[in-house]
Structure formats: C-alpha cells, structure tokens
C-alpha cells in the first residue's frame, strides 16, 4: 500500500482549525481525506458517529489502548479520551489519498514525531484568549465550566506552537484559509 502524506492541524478549541480543515477537504485537487478520530465522550449537537468521530465507550477505548490499536491517543480531560486508530490512516492510504487531521496539540506532535518526513504539522493560532472564549460561548454546546477548562488548557497549548512546522495566525478567516491552501498544496507536491 502506497503511503500518502499526513497533514495535521492542531490548535486550542475555538481557533478555527475545523473550519480550515473543512475548507481544505472541499478542494478536490488536494486529494485529502479526513481522519476520523475516536473519542470516549458523548456526541455534541449534530455530531454523527462515523462522520465527526467514532464514539466509543470508555471501556472500548481503553481496550484499543491495551491492544495498541492507536497511532496516537490522549486523555484530554479526565475520562475523556481522543485518538487516531492505525486502521483509519491505512483506510485512507488504501484510497490513494493524503490524510488530514483535526486533532489536539499533543496528538498532532506525536504523529509528527512518528512520521517526521511525511507530516506537515500546522498550528492554528487564535487572535487572543478573549476571542477564543467568545467563540466557544457562541457555539452554545458546552457549559461555562467546560469553556473555562478549555480556556485554561489553551494557554498551555499556545506554548507548544513553536514545535509545529508552521503557524497560521487566524486573525482573518479568509487569509488563514488561503495560507492553509497554499501550504498544503506545496507540501503535497514536495
């Protein structure tokens, strides 16, 4: 099986990485396929199993860890796991496509470490912590406590930005989308 490239987008929640990834997926010439992550949390809002995430029970998630089925995984919050199954990447490569990830900072850096030459690791930087809080509140999908947890975590995540190959500053969405498209197109051709 021919291995394609791996494109990782990581950022604190509310930075715009999901919007950027969706934009890139709409560009057929990039030949990208979304890597669906697993999570042990319950679906939020309109999320669909097998499209947005593979929703697993905590027991099943821990069994996959034990079986070493994950390329990367992380306990993002207590009993709230996220990870990428090895078979998900293999599925996408079997389609002859490049894999694009929308994952947390720790998971993104693990993928880059495992596949340094094949991976473009992009950190999406928000305009400010205050703007992040506004964006998270506008989603109306989480409690004030959850939002505060995400904001606290964002400060730690922002400190990891220099470990990524490149940083996209999402101060203006259209500019960030254009920059992401240029970066990914250049990486795929290299």
N, C-alpha and C. Protein backbone atom coordinates (compact mmCIF):
# COMPACT_ATOMS: atom_id res chain seq x y z
N UNK A 1 0.84 -1.18 0.00
CA UNK A 1 0.00 0.00 0.00
C UNK A 1 0.89 1.24 0.00
N UNK A 2 0.61 2.16 -0.92
CA UNK A 2 1.37 3.40 -1.01
C UNK A 2 0.95 4.34 0.11
N UNK A 3 1.95 4.87 0.79
CA UNK A 3 1.65 5.79 1.86
C UNK A 3 1.62 7.21 1.32
N UNK A 4 0.58 7.93 1.70
CA UNK A 4 0.45 9.33 1.32
C UNK A 4 1.06 10.23 2.37
N UNK A 5 0.76 11.50 2.26
CA UNK A 5 1.24 12.48 3.22
C UNK A 5 0.24 12.60 4.36
N UNK A 6 0.72 13.15 5.46
CA UNK A 6 -0.10 13.38 6.65
C UNK A 6 -0.09 14.88 6.93
N UNK A 7 -1.26 15.48 6.98
CA UNK A 7 -1.38 16.90 7.25
C UNK A 7 -2.14 17.07 8.55
N UNK A 8 -1.46 17.63 9.55
CA UNK A 8 -2.01 17.78 10.89
C UNK A 8 -2.36 19.23 11.16
N UNK A 9 -3.58 19.48 11.58
CA UNK A 9 -3.99 20.81 12.04
C UNK A 9 -4.34 20.67 13.52
N UNK A 10 -3.65 21.44 14.35
CA UNK A 10 -3.88 21.44 15.79
C UNK A 10 -4.01 22.87 16.27
N UNK A 11 -4.74 23.02 17.37
CA UNK A 11 -4.97 24.35 17.94
C UNK A 11 -5.84 24.21 19.17
N UNK A 12 -5.87 25.25 19.98
CA UNK A 12 -6.85 25.25 21.07
C UNK A 12 -8.27 25.27 20.49
N UNK A 13 -9.24 24.75 21.23
CA UNK A 13 -10.64 24.77 20.80
C UNK A 13 -11.06 26.21 20.52
N UNK A 14 -11.73 26.41 19.38
CA UNK A 14 -12.22 27.73 19.02
C UNK A 14 -11.30 28.54 18.15
N UNK A 15 -10.15 27.96 17.78
CA UNK A 15 -9.16 28.70 16.96
C UNK A 15 -9.51 28.76 15.48
N UNK A 16 -10.40 27.86 15.03
CA UNK A 16 -10.79 27.83 13.63
C UNK A 16 -10.19 26.69 12.83
N UNK A 17 -9.54 25.75 13.50
CA UNK A 17 -8.89 24.66 12.76
C UNK A 17 -9.90 23.79 12.01
N UNK A 18 -11.06 23.55 12.60
CA UNK A 18 -12.06 22.71 11.94
C UNK A 18 -12.59 23.41 10.68
N UNK A 19 -12.79 24.70 10.75
CA UNK A 19 -13.24 25.47 9.58
C UNK A 19 -12.19 25.39 8.48
N UNK A 20 -10.92 25.50 8.84
CA UNK A 20 -9.83 25.43 7.86
C UNK A 20 -9.77 24.04 7.25
N UNK A 21 -9.86 23.01 8.07
CA UNK A 21 -9.81 21.63 7.57
C UNK A 21 -10.97 21.36 6.61
N UNK A 22 -12.16 21.80 6.96
CA UNK A 22 -13.33 21.60 6.07
C UNK A 22 -13.11 22.30 4.73
N UNK A 23 -12.52 23.49 4.76
CA UNK A 23 -12.22 24.21 3.52
C UNK A 23 -11.25 23.40 2.65
N UNK A 24 -10.20 22.89 3.27
CA UNK A 24 -9.21 22.12 2.51
C UNK A 24 -9.81 20.84 1.94
N UNK A 25 -10.70 20.21 2.68
CA UNK A 25 -11.36 18.99 2.18
C UNK A 25 -12.23 19.27 0.96
N UNK A 26 -12.70 20.49 0.83
CA UNK A 26 -13.54 20.85 -0.33
C UNK A 26 -12.72 21.05 -1.60
N UNK A 27 -11.40 21.10 -1.49
CA UNK A 27 -10.52 21.30 -2.64
C UNK A 27 -10.09 19.94 -3.18
N UNK A 28 -10.82 19.45 -4.19
CA UNK A 28 -10.57 18.11 -4.73
C UNK A 28 -9.14 17.90 -5.21
N UNK A 29 -8.54 18.96 -5.76
CA UNK A 29 -7.18 18.84 -6.30
C UNK A 29 -6.15 18.49 -5.22
N UNK A 30 -6.48 18.69 -3.94
CA UNK A 30 -5.54 18.35 -2.86
C UNK A 30 -5.59 16.86 -2.51
N UNK A 31 -6.63 16.15 -2.95
CA UNK A 31 -6.74 14.70 -2.74
C UNK A 31 -6.63 14.32 -1.26
N UNK A 32 -7.43 15.00 -0.44
CA UNK A 32 -7.39 14.78 1.00
C UNK A 32 -8.60 13.97 1.48
N UNK A 33 -8.39 13.23 2.54
CA UNK A 33 -9.48 12.52 3.21
C UNK A 33 -9.33 12.77 4.71
N UNK A 34 -10.44 13.05 5.36
CA UNK A 34 -10.45 13.37 6.79
C UNK A 34 -10.24 12.12 7.63
N UNK A 35 -9.29 12.20 8.56
CA UNK A 35 -9.08 11.13 9.52
C UNK A 35 -10.08 11.31 10.65
N UNK A 36 -10.98 10.35 10.79
CA UNK A 36 -12.00 10.41 11.83
C UNK A 36 -11.39 9.88 13.13
N UNK A 37 -11.34 10.74 14.12
CA UNK A 37 -10.79 10.37 15.42
C UNK A 37 -11.82 9.59 16.22
N UNK A 38 -11.31 8.85 17.19
CA UNK A 38 -12.17 8.18 18.17
C UNK A 38 -12.24 9.06 19.41
N UNK A 39 -13.35 8.99 20.11
CA UNK A 39 -13.47 9.68 21.39
C UNK A 39 -14.35 8.87 22.32
N UNK A 40 -14.07 9.04 23.61
CA UNK A 40 -14.89 8.37 24.63
C UNK A 40 -16.00 9.28 25.14
N UNK A 41 -16.06 10.51 24.63
CA UNK A 41 -17.12 11.42 25.09
C UNK A 41 -18.39 11.20 24.27
N UNK A 42 -19.48 11.72 24.79
CA UNK A 42 -20.77 11.62 24.09
C UNK A 42 -20.83 12.63 22.95
N UNK A 43 -21.62 12.34 21.90
CA UNK A 43 -21.78 13.31 20.80
C UNK A 43 -22.35 14.64 21.32
N UNK A 44 -21.92 15.74 20.67
CA UNK A 44 -22.43 17.07 20.99
C UNK A 44 -23.21 17.57 19.79
N UNK A 45 -24.31 18.23 20.05
CA UNK A 45 -25.07 18.88 18.99
C UNK A 45 -25.47 17.89 17.89
N UNK A 46 -25.04 18.21 16.67
CA UNK A 46 -25.42 17.42 15.48
C UNK A 46 -24.36 16.39 15.09
N UNK A 47 -23.39 16.12 15.95
CA UNK A 47 -22.32 15.19 15.60
C UNK A 47 -22.85 13.80 15.28
N UNK A 48 -22.22 13.17 14.28
CA UNK A 48 -22.66 11.86 13.80
C UNK A 48 -21.51 10.86 13.94
N UNK A 49 -21.83 9.69 14.50
CA UNK A 49 -20.85 8.62 14.63
C UNK A 49 -20.39 8.16 13.25
N UNK A 50 -19.08 8.02 13.08
CA UNK A 50 -18.53 7.57 11.80
C UNK A 50 -18.33 8.70 10.80
N UNK A 51 -18.74 9.92 11.16
CA UNK A 51 -18.53 11.08 10.30
C UNK A 51 -17.69 12.13 11.04
N UNK A 52 -18.16 12.53 12.20
CA UNK A 52 -17.43 13.51 13.01
C UNK A 52 -16.39 12.81 13.90
N UNK A 53 -16.79 11.74 14.52
CA UNK A 53 -15.94 10.92 15.38
C UNK A 53 -16.47 9.49 15.33
N UNK A 54 -15.63 8.57 15.82
CA UNK A 54 -16.09 7.24 16.17
C UNK A 54 -16.30 7.33 17.68
N UNK A 55 -17.56 7.29 18.12
CA UNK A 55 -17.87 7.40 19.54
C UNK A 55 -17.78 6.02 20.17
N UNK A 56 -16.84 5.88 21.11
CA UNK A 56 -16.60 4.61 21.78
C UNK A 56 -16.92 4.74 23.26
N UNK A 57 -17.29 3.63 23.87
CA UNK A 57 -17.43 3.64 25.33
C UNK A 57 -16.03 3.78 25.93
N UNK A 58 -15.98 4.22 27.16
CA UNK A 58 -14.69 4.34 27.85
C UNK A 58 -13.99 2.98 27.90
N UNK A 59 -14.76 1.93 28.15
CA UNK A 59 -14.20 0.57 28.20
C UNK A 59 -13.59 0.19 26.84
N UNK A 60 -14.33 0.42 25.75
CA UNK A 60 -13.83 0.07 24.42
C UNK A 60 -12.59 0.88 24.06
N UNK A 61 -12.59 2.16 24.42
CA UNK A 61 -11.43 3.00 24.12
C UNK A 61 -10.19 2.44 24.83
N UNK A 62 -10.36 2.11 26.12
CA UNK A 62 -9.22 1.58 26.89
C UNK A 62 -8.77 0.22 26.35
N UNK A 63 -9.69 -0.55 25.81
CA UNK A 63 -9.32 -1.84 25.21
C UNK A 63 -8.46 -1.62 23.97
N UNK A 64 -8.81 -0.62 23.15
CA UNK A 64 -7.98 -0.29 21.98
C UNK A 64 -6.58 0.18 22.40
N UNK A 65 -6.50 0.91 23.50
CA UNK A 65 -5.18 1.33 24.01
C UNK A 65 -4.37 0.09 24.37
N UNK A 66 -5.00 -0.80 25.11
CA UNK A 66 -4.35 -2.04 25.56
C UNK A 66 -3.86 -2.86 24.36
N UNK A 67 -4.66 -2.89 23.30
CA UNK A 67 -4.32 -3.66 22.09
C UNK A 67 -3.33 -2.94 21.17
N UNK A 68 -2.94 -1.71 21.55
CA UNK A 68 -2.02 -0.88 20.75
C UNK A 68 -2.57 -0.61 19.35
N UNK A 69 -3.87 -0.35 19.28
CA UNK A 69 -4.54 -0.07 18.00
C UNK A 69 -4.41 1.38 17.56
N UNK A 70 -3.97 2.26 18.47
CA UNK A 70 -3.92 3.67 18.15
C UNK A 70 -2.56 4.12 17.62
N UNK A 71 -2.60 5.01 16.64
CA UNK A 71 -1.41 5.70 16.17
C UNK A 71 -1.00 6.72 17.23
N UNK A 72 -2.01 7.38 17.79
CA UNK A 72 -1.81 8.31 18.89
C UNK A 72 -3.11 8.37 19.67
N UNK A 73 -3.00 8.68 20.95
CA UNK A 73 -4.18 8.88 21.79
C UNK A 73 -3.81 9.78 22.95
N UNK A 74 -4.83 10.35 23.55
CA UNK A 74 -4.61 11.31 24.64
C UNK A 74 -5.84 11.34 25.53
N UNK A 75 -5.61 11.41 26.82
CA UNK A 75 -6.70 11.67 27.76
C UNK A 75 -6.74 13.19 27.91
N UNK A 76 -7.60 13.83 27.13
CA UNK A 76 -7.63 15.29 27.04
C UNK A 76 -8.18 15.90 28.32
N UNK A 77 -9.25 15.32 28.83
CA UNK A 77 -9.81 15.67 30.13
C UNK A 77 -10.07 14.36 30.84
N UNK A 78 -10.31 14.39 32.13
CA UNK A 78 -10.49 13.15 32.89
C UNK A 78 -11.56 12.25 32.26
N UNK A 79 -11.17 11.00 31.95
CA UNK A 79 -12.04 10.00 31.31
C UNK A 79 -12.60 10.47 29.96
N UNK A 80 -11.93 11.41 29.35
CA UNK A 80 -12.35 11.96 28.06
C UNK A 80 -11.18 11.76 27.09
N UNK A 81 -11.19 10.63 26.39
CA UNK A 81 -10.08 10.24 25.53
C UNK A 81 -10.37 10.57 24.06
N UNK A 82 -9.30 10.88 23.34
CA UNK A 82 -9.35 11.06 21.89
C UNK A 82 -8.17 10.29 21.31
N UNK A 83 -8.33 9.77 20.10
CA UNK A 83 -7.21 9.08 19.47
C UNK A 83 -7.48 8.76 18.02
N UNK A 84 -6.41 8.37 17.34
CA UNK A 84 -6.47 8.00 15.92
C UNK A 84 -6.11 6.53 15.78
N UNK A 85 -7.04 5.74 15.27
CA UNK A 85 -6.75 4.33 15.04
C UNK A 85 -5.81 4.17 13.85
N UNK A 86 -4.86 3.26 13.96
CA UNK A 86 -3.93 2.98 12.86
C UNK A 86 -4.72 2.58 11.60
N UNK A 87 -5.79 1.80 11.79
CA UNK A 87 -6.56 1.32 10.64
C UNK A 87 -7.26 2.46 9.90
N UNK A 88 -7.50 3.60 10.58
CA UNK A 88 -8.12 4.75 9.92
C UNK A 88 -7.15 5.36 8.89
N UNK A 89 -5.90 5.49 9.26
CA UNK A 89 -4.88 6.01 8.34
C UNK A 89 -4.66 5.03 7.20
N UNK A 90 -4.60 3.75 7.51
CA UNK A 90 -4.44 2.72 6.47
C UNK A 90 -5.61 2.74 5.49
N UNK A 91 -6.83 2.96 6.00
CA UNK A 91 -8.03 3.04 5.15
C UNK A 91 -7.88 4.17 4.13
N UNK A 92 -7.42 5.32 4.59
CA UNK A 92 -7.29 6.49 3.71
C UNK A 92 -6.18 6.28 2.69
N UNK A 93 -5.04 5.75 3.14
CA UNK A 93 -3.95 5.49 2.21
C UNK A 93 -4.37 4.46 1.15
N UNK A 94 -5.19 3.48 1.53
CA UNK A 94 -5.68 2.48 0.57
C UNK A 94 -6.53 3.13 -0.52
N UNK A 95 -7.13 4.28 -0.21
CA UNK A 95 -7.90 5.04 -1.21
C UNK A 95 -7.00 5.87 -2.13
N UNK A 96 -5.68 5.87 -1.82
CA UNK A 96 -4.74 6.67 -2.60
C UNK A 96 -4.78 8.15 -2.26
N UNK A 97 -5.21 8.46 -1.05
CA UNK A 97 -5.36 9.86 -0.64
C UNK A 97 -4.38 10.23 0.46
N UNK A 98 -4.26 11.54 0.69
CA UNK A 98 -3.47 12.07 1.80
C UNK A 98 -4.41 12.25 2.99
N UNK A 99 -3.87 12.06 4.19
CA UNK A 99 -4.66 12.13 5.41
C UNK A 99 -4.59 13.53 6.01
N UNK A 100 -5.74 14.09 6.34
CA UNK A 100 -5.77 15.37 7.04
C UNK A 100 -6.41 15.15 8.41
N UNK A 101 -5.74 15.69 9.43
CA UNK A 101 -6.16 15.52 10.82
C UNK A 101 -6.59 16.86 11.41
N UNK A 102 -7.61 16.81 12.24
CA UNK A 102 -8.06 17.94 13.06
C UNK A 102 -7.99 17.39 14.48
N UNK A 103 -6.81 17.53 15.11
CA UNK A 103 -6.62 16.88 16.41
C UNK A 103 -5.94 17.81 17.41
N UNK A 104 -5.95 17.36 18.67
CA UNK A 104 -5.35 18.17 19.73
C UNK A 104 -3.83 18.26 19.54
N UNK A 105 -3.26 19.20 20.24
CA UNK A 105 -1.84 19.53 20.11
C UNK A 105 -0.93 18.34 20.40
N UNK A 106 -1.19 17.64 21.50
CA UNK A 106 -0.33 16.51 21.87
C UNK A 106 -0.38 15.42 20.79
N UNK A 107 -1.57 15.11 20.30
CA UNK A 107 -1.71 14.09 19.26
C UNK A 107 -1.03 14.50 17.97
N UNK A 108 -1.16 15.76 17.60
CA UNK A 108 -0.51 16.26 16.40
C UNK A 108 1.00 16.14 16.46
N UNK A 109 1.57 16.46 17.61
CA UNK A 109 3.03 16.36 17.76
C UNK A 109 3.49 14.90 17.77
N UNK A 110 2.66 14.00 18.29
CA UNK A 110 3.02 12.57 18.26
C UNK A 110 3.08 12.03 16.83
N UNK A 111 2.12 12.43 16.02
CA UNK A 111 2.11 11.99 14.62
C UNK A 111 3.36 12.53 13.90
N UNK A 112 3.68 13.80 14.13
CA UNK A 112 4.86 14.40 13.51
C UNK A 112 6.12 13.65 13.92
N UNK A 113 6.19 13.25 15.19
CA UNK A 113 7.37 12.53 15.69
C UNK A 113 7.48 11.14 15.04
N UNK A 114 6.34 10.46 14.84
CA UNK A 114 6.36 9.12 14.25
C UNK A 114 6.63 9.13 12.75
N UNK A 115 6.17 10.18 12.07
CA UNK A 115 6.33 10.29 10.61
C UNK A 115 6.90 11.67 10.26
N UNK A 116 8.14 11.95 10.67
CA UNK A 116 8.67 13.31 10.51
C UNK A 116 8.73 13.81 9.06
N UNK A 117 9.06 12.95 8.13
CA UNK A 117 9.21 13.39 6.72
C UNK A 117 7.88 13.47 5.99
N UNK A 118 6.92 12.65 6.41
CA UNK A 118 5.62 12.58 5.72
C UNK A 118 4.60 13.56 6.25
N UNK A 119 4.92 14.23 7.37
CA UNK A 119 3.92 15.04 8.07
C UNK A 119 4.20 16.53 7.98
N UNK A 120 3.13 17.28 7.67
CA UNK A 120 3.13 18.73 7.80
C UNK A 120 2.28 19.03 9.02
N UNK A 121 2.90 19.58 10.07
CA UNK A 121 2.19 19.89 11.30
C UNK A 121 1.95 21.40 11.37
N UNK A 122 0.67 21.78 11.37
CA UNK A 122 0.28 23.19 11.33
C UNK A 122 -0.44 23.55 12.63
N UNK A 123 0.00 24.61 13.27
CA UNK A 123 -0.65 25.13 14.46
C UNK A 123 -1.47 26.34 14.07
N UNK A 124 -2.76 26.35 14.44
CA UNK A 124 -3.64 27.48 14.14
C UNK A 124 -3.73 28.34 15.41
N UNK A 125 -3.26 29.55 15.28
CA UNK A 125 -3.20 30.46 16.43
C UNK A 125 -4.38 31.43 16.40
N UNK A 126 -5.14 31.51 17.50
CA UNK A 126 -6.27 32.44 17.57
C UNK A 126 -5.78 33.87 17.79
N UNK A 127 -6.65 34.86 17.54
CA UNK A 127 -6.25 36.25 17.77
C UNK A 127 -5.89 36.52 19.24
N UNK A 128 -6.65 35.92 20.18
CA UNK A 128 -6.39 36.12 21.60
C UNK A 128 -7.19 35.10 22.41
N UNK A 129 -6.84 34.97 23.68
CA UNK A 129 -7.59 34.10 24.58
C UNK A 129 -9.02 34.64 24.74
N UNK A 130 -9.16 35.95 24.81
CA UNK A 130 -10.51 36.55 24.93
C UNK A 130 -11.38 36.19 23.74
N UNK A 131 -10.81 36.25 22.54
CA UNK A 131 -11.56 35.89 21.33
C UNK A 131 -11.94 34.41 21.36
N UNK A 132 -11.04 33.57 21.85
CA UNK A 132 -11.34 32.14 21.98
C UNK A 132 -12.57 31.94 22.86
N UNK A 133 -12.60 32.63 23.98
CA UNK A 133 -13.72 32.48 24.92
C UNK A 133 -15.03 32.90 24.25
N UNK A 134 -15.00 33.98 23.48
CA UNK A 134 -16.19 34.45 22.76
C UNK A 134 -16.66 33.38 21.77
N UNK A 135 -15.72 32.82 21.01
CA UNK A 135 -16.07 31.81 20.00
C UNK A 135 -16.67 30.56 20.67
N UNK A 136 -16.08 30.13 21.78
CA UNK A 136 -16.59 28.94 22.47
C UNK A 136 -17.99 29.18 23.02
N UNK A 137 -18.23 30.37 23.54
CA UNK A 137 -19.58 30.69 24.05
C UNK A 137 -20.60 30.73 22.92
N UNK A 138 -20.20 31.24 21.75
CA UNK A 138 -21.11 31.34 20.61
C UNK A 138 -21.54 29.96 20.10
N UNK A 139 -20.71 28.96 20.31
CA UNK A 139 -21.07 27.60 19.88
C UNK A 139 -22.31 27.09 20.61
N UNK A 140 -22.46 27.49 21.86
CA UNK A 140 -23.58 27.07 22.72
C UNK A 140 -23.67 25.54 22.83
N UNK A 141 -22.51 24.88 22.91
CA UNK A 141 -22.50 23.42 23.02
C UNK A 141 -21.96 22.95 24.36
N UNK A 142 -21.42 23.87 25.18
CA UNK A 142 -20.79 23.45 26.42
C UNK A 142 -21.13 24.38 27.58
N UNK A 143 -21.02 23.85 28.77
CA UNK A 143 -21.27 24.63 29.98
C UNK A 143 -20.15 25.66 30.20
N UNK A 144 -20.42 26.61 31.08
CA UNK A 144 -19.41 27.62 31.43
C UNK A 144 -18.16 26.95 32.02
N UNK A 145 -18.36 25.91 32.84
CA UNK A 145 -17.22 25.19 33.42
C UNK A 145 -16.35 24.55 32.34
N UNK A 146 -17.00 23.91 31.36
CA UNK A 146 -16.24 23.28 30.26
C UNK A 146 -15.47 24.34 29.46
N UNK A 147 -16.11 25.45 29.20
CA UNK A 147 -15.46 26.54 28.46
C UNK A 147 -14.23 27.02 29.24
N UNK A 148 -14.39 27.21 30.54
CA UNK A 148 -13.26 27.66 31.36
C UNK A 148 -12.12 26.65 31.37
N UNK A 149 -12.47 25.34 31.37
CA UNK A 149 -11.45 24.30 31.28
C UNK A 149 -10.69 24.41 29.96
N UNK A 150 -11.42 24.63 28.86
CA UNK A 150 -10.79 24.75 27.54
C UNK A 150 -9.89 25.99 27.47
N UNK A 151 -10.33 27.08 28.08
CA UNK A 151 -9.53 28.31 28.08
C UNK A 151 -8.24 28.10 28.87
N UNK A 152 -8.33 27.45 30.01
CA UNK A 152 -7.13 27.16 30.81
C UNK A 152 -6.15 26.29 30.03
N UNK A 153 -6.69 25.31 29.32
CA UNK A 153 -5.85 24.41 28.52
C UNK A 153 -5.23 25.15 27.33
N UNK A 154 -5.95 26.13 26.79
CA UNK A 154 -5.47 26.87 25.62
C UNK A 154 -4.13 27.56 25.88
N UNK A 155 -3.94 28.09 27.07
CA UNK A 155 -2.68 28.77 27.39
C UNK A 155 -1.50 27.81 27.29
N UNK A 156 -1.70 26.59 27.78
CA UNK A 156 -0.66 25.56 27.70
C UNK A 156 -0.42 25.17 26.24
N UNK A 157 -1.51 25.00 25.49
CA UNK A 157 -1.39 24.60 24.08
C UNK A 157 -0.69 25.67 23.25
N UNK A 158 -0.97 26.93 23.52
CA UNK A 158 -0.33 28.01 22.76
C UNK A 158 1.19 27.98 22.92
N UNK A 159 1.66 27.53 24.07
CA UNK A 159 3.11 27.45 24.31
C UNK A 159 3.78 26.40 23.43
N UNK A 160 3.01 25.44 22.87
CA UNK A 160 3.60 24.39 22.03
C UNK A 160 3.74 24.82 20.56
N UNK A 161 3.16 25.94 20.20
CA UNK A 161 3.14 26.38 18.80
C UNK A 161 4.50 26.30 18.11
N UNK A 162 5.60 26.72 18.76
CA UNK A 162 6.91 26.66 18.08
C UNK A 162 7.38 25.25 17.71
N UNK A 163 6.77 24.21 18.29
CA UNK A 163 7.16 22.83 17.97
C UNK A 163 6.57 22.35 16.64
N UNK A 164 5.64 23.11 16.08
CA UNK A 164 5.00 22.74 14.82
C UNK A 164 5.82 23.26 13.64
N UNK A 165 5.58 22.69 12.47
CA UNK A 165 6.32 23.11 11.27
C UNK A 165 6.01 24.56 10.91
N UNK A 166 4.77 24.94 11.11
CA UNK A 166 4.35 26.30 10.75
C UNK A 166 3.16 26.72 11.60
N UNK A 167 2.98 28.03 11.71
CA UNK A 167 1.87 28.59 12.46
C UNK A 167 1.05 29.46 11.52
N UNK A 168 -0.26 29.21 11.52
CA UNK A 168 -1.19 30.08 10.79
C UNK A 168 -1.90 30.93 11.83
N UNK A 169 -1.81 32.24 11.70
CA UNK A 169 -2.49 33.15 12.61
C UNK A 169 -3.88 33.41 12.05
N UNK A 170 -4.90 32.91 12.75
CA UNK A 170 -6.27 33.06 12.29
C UNK A 170 -6.91 34.34 12.84
N UNK A 171 -6.40 35.47 12.36
CA UNK A 171 -6.96 36.77 12.75
C UNK A 171 -8.04 37.15 11.74
N UNK A 172 -7.84 36.73 10.50
CA UNK A 172 -8.80 36.97 9.42
C UNK A 172 -9.01 35.62 8.74
N UNK A 173 -10.24 35.11 8.74
CA UNK A 173 -10.50 33.75 8.27
C UNK A 173 -10.09 33.55 6.82
N UNK A 174 -10.45 34.45 5.91
CA UNK A 174 -10.13 34.26 4.50
C UNK A 174 -8.62 34.19 4.27
N UNK A 175 -7.88 35.03 4.97
CA UNK A 175 -6.42 35.00 4.87
C UNK A 175 -5.88 33.66 5.37
N UNK A 176 -6.42 33.18 6.49
CA UNK A 176 -5.99 31.89 7.04
C UNK A 176 -6.31 30.74 6.10
N UNK A 177 -7.49 30.77 5.47
CA UNK A 177 -7.87 29.72 4.51
C UNK A 177 -6.93 29.71 3.31
N UNK A 178 -6.61 30.88 2.78
CA UNK A 178 -5.70 30.97 1.63
C UNK A 178 -4.31 30.48 1.99
N UNK A 179 -3.83 30.88 3.16
CA UNK A 179 -2.50 30.45 3.60
C UNK A 179 -2.44 28.93 3.78
N UNK A 180 -3.48 28.37 4.37
CA UNK A 180 -3.54 26.92 4.58
C UNK A 180 -3.54 26.18 3.25
N UNK A 181 -4.31 26.67 2.30
CA UNK A 181 -4.39 26.03 0.99
C UNK A 181 -3.02 26.03 0.29
N UNK A 182 -2.34 27.16 0.32
CA UNK A 182 -1.01 27.26 -0.29
C UNK A 182 -0.01 26.32 0.38
N UNK A 183 -0.03 26.30 1.71
CA UNK A 183 0.89 25.43 2.47
C UNK A 183 0.70 23.97 2.12
N UNK A 184 -0.56 23.53 2.16
CA UNK A 184 -0.86 22.11 1.93
C UNK A 184 -0.55 21.72 0.49
N UNK A 185 -0.92 22.56 -0.46
CA UNK A 185 -0.63 22.27 -1.88
C UNK A 185 0.88 22.15 -2.10
N UNK A 186 1.65 23.05 -1.50
CA UNK A 186 3.10 22.99 -1.64
C UNK A 186 3.69 21.75 -1.01
N UNK A 187 3.19 21.35 0.14
CA UNK A 187 3.70 20.17 0.85
C UNK A 187 3.40 18.89 0.08
N UNK A 188 2.20 18.81 -0.47
CA UNK A 188 1.81 17.60 -1.21
C UNK A 188 2.67 17.43 -2.46
N UNK A 189 3.03 18.53 -3.08
CA UNK A 189 3.85 18.46 -4.31
C UNK A 189 5.31 18.16 -4.00
N UNK A 190 5.74 18.41 -2.76
CA UNK A 190 7.18 18.24 -2.43
C UNK A 190 7.58 16.78 -2.34
